[in-house]
Amino acid sequence: MVKVRSICEKYRKYEGNNKLEMNCEIVTLKPLLLKISEKFMAKSPKPVTFKFDLVAESIYADAEYIEEVFCNM
């Protein structure tokens, strides 16, 4: 988690010039992944199931960007 934290700190609060601004916090994974899976199940014309085998309960990340990352996987 230390490495991820340092990456978030590095990119936090750049102002102007269209640079990435990350607001890192502890993000609980299970509710986030359930929200994403519900989106995909609602959009899919066929039945879809998801199985999560989480090693960690939470991560240190920007909640908005990490949701986008998971959606793109």
Protein backbone atom coordinates (compact mmCIF):
# COMPACT_ATOMS: atom_id res chain seq x y z
CA MET A 1 0.00 0.00 0.00
CA VAL A 2 2.95 2.36 0.56
CA LYS A 3 3.87 2.35 -3.14
CA VAL A 4 0.30 3.13 -4.21
CA ARG A 5 0.08 5.88 -1.61
CA SER A 6 3.25 7.52 -2.92
CA ILE A 7 1.90 7.41 -6.48
CA CYS A 8 -1.33 9.09 -5.37
CA GLU A 9 0.58 11.72 -3.42
CA LYS A 10 2.73 12.42 -6.47
CA TYR A 11 -0.29 13.22 -8.66
CA ARG A 12 -2.42 14.96 -6.05
CA LYS A 13 -3.59 18.51 -6.67
CA TYR A 14 -1.88 19.69 -9.80
CA GLU A 15 -3.58 22.94 -10.73
CA GLY A 16 -4.28 24.19 -14.23
CA ASN A 17 -2.67 22.97 -17.44
CA ASN A 18 -5.15 20.05 -17.68
CA LYS A 19 -3.06 17.91 -15.35
CA LEU A 20 -4.48 14.99 -13.45
CA GLU A 21 -5.83 15.80 -10.01
CA MET A 22 -6.24 12.84 -7.71
CA ASN A 23 -8.05 12.98 -4.40
CA CYS A 24 -6.84 9.79 -2.78
CA GLU A 25 -8.67 8.17 0.09
CA ILE A 26 -9.31 4.71 1.46
CA VAL A 27 -11.77 3.04 -0.94
CA THR A 28 -13.65 -0.05 0.22
CA LEU A 29 -13.59 -2.49 -2.67
CA LYS A 30 -16.66 -4.68 -2.18
CA PRO A 31 -19.31 -1.91 -2.43
CA LEU A 32 -17.47 -0.36 -5.37
CA LEU A 33 -17.26 -3.66 -7.26
CA LEU A 34 -20.90 -4.48 -6.52
CA LYS A 35 -21.94 -1.09 -7.91
CA ILE A 36 -19.93 -1.70 -11.07
CA SER A 37 -21.25 -5.24 -11.49
CA GLU A 38 -24.84 -4.00 -11.15
CA LYS A 39 -24.20 -1.52 -13.97
CA PHE A 40 -22.90 -4.26 -16.24
CA MET A 41 -25.73 -6.64 -15.37
CA ALA A 42 -28.32 -3.96 -16.15
CA LYS A 43 -26.75 -3.18 -19.54
CA SER A 44 -26.15 -6.75 -20.66
CA PRO A 45 -28.74 -8.42 -22.91
CA LYS A 46 -27.56 -11.82 -21.58
CA PRO A 47 -27.26 -13.00 -17.96
CA VAL A 48 -23.96 -11.98 -16.40
CA THR A 49 -22.47 -13.08 -13.10
CA PHE A 50 -19.48 -11.76 -11.21
CA LYS A 51 -17.37 -13.51 -8.60
CA PHE A 52 -15.00 -11.53 -6.40
CA ASP A 53 -12.06 -13.09 -4.61
CA LEU A 54 -10.67 -10.08 -2.81
CA VAL A 55 -7.31 -10.26 -1.07
CA ALA A 56 -7.67 -6.74 0.37
CA GLU A 57 -10.81 -5.09 1.72
CA SER A 58 -9.74 -1.60 0.72
CA ILE A 59 -7.19 0.37 -1.27
CA TYR A 60 -5.78 3.89 -1.20
CA ALA A 61 -6.89 5.52 -4.45
CA ASP A 62 -8.99 8.21 -6.04
CA ALA A 63 -12.51 6.71 -5.90
CA GLU A 64 -13.61 8.22 -9.22
CA TYR A 65 -10.56 7.12 -11.17
CA ILE A 66 -10.34 3.64 -9.67
CA GLU A 67 -13.99 3.02 -10.59
CA GLU A 68 -13.15 3.99 -14.15
CA VAL A 69 -10.14 1.65 -14.11
CA PHE A 70 -12.27 -1.30 -12.97
CA CYS A 71 -14.98 -0.51 -15.54
CA ASN A 72 -12.35 -0.58 -18.30
CA MET A 73 -10.97 -3.97 -17.27
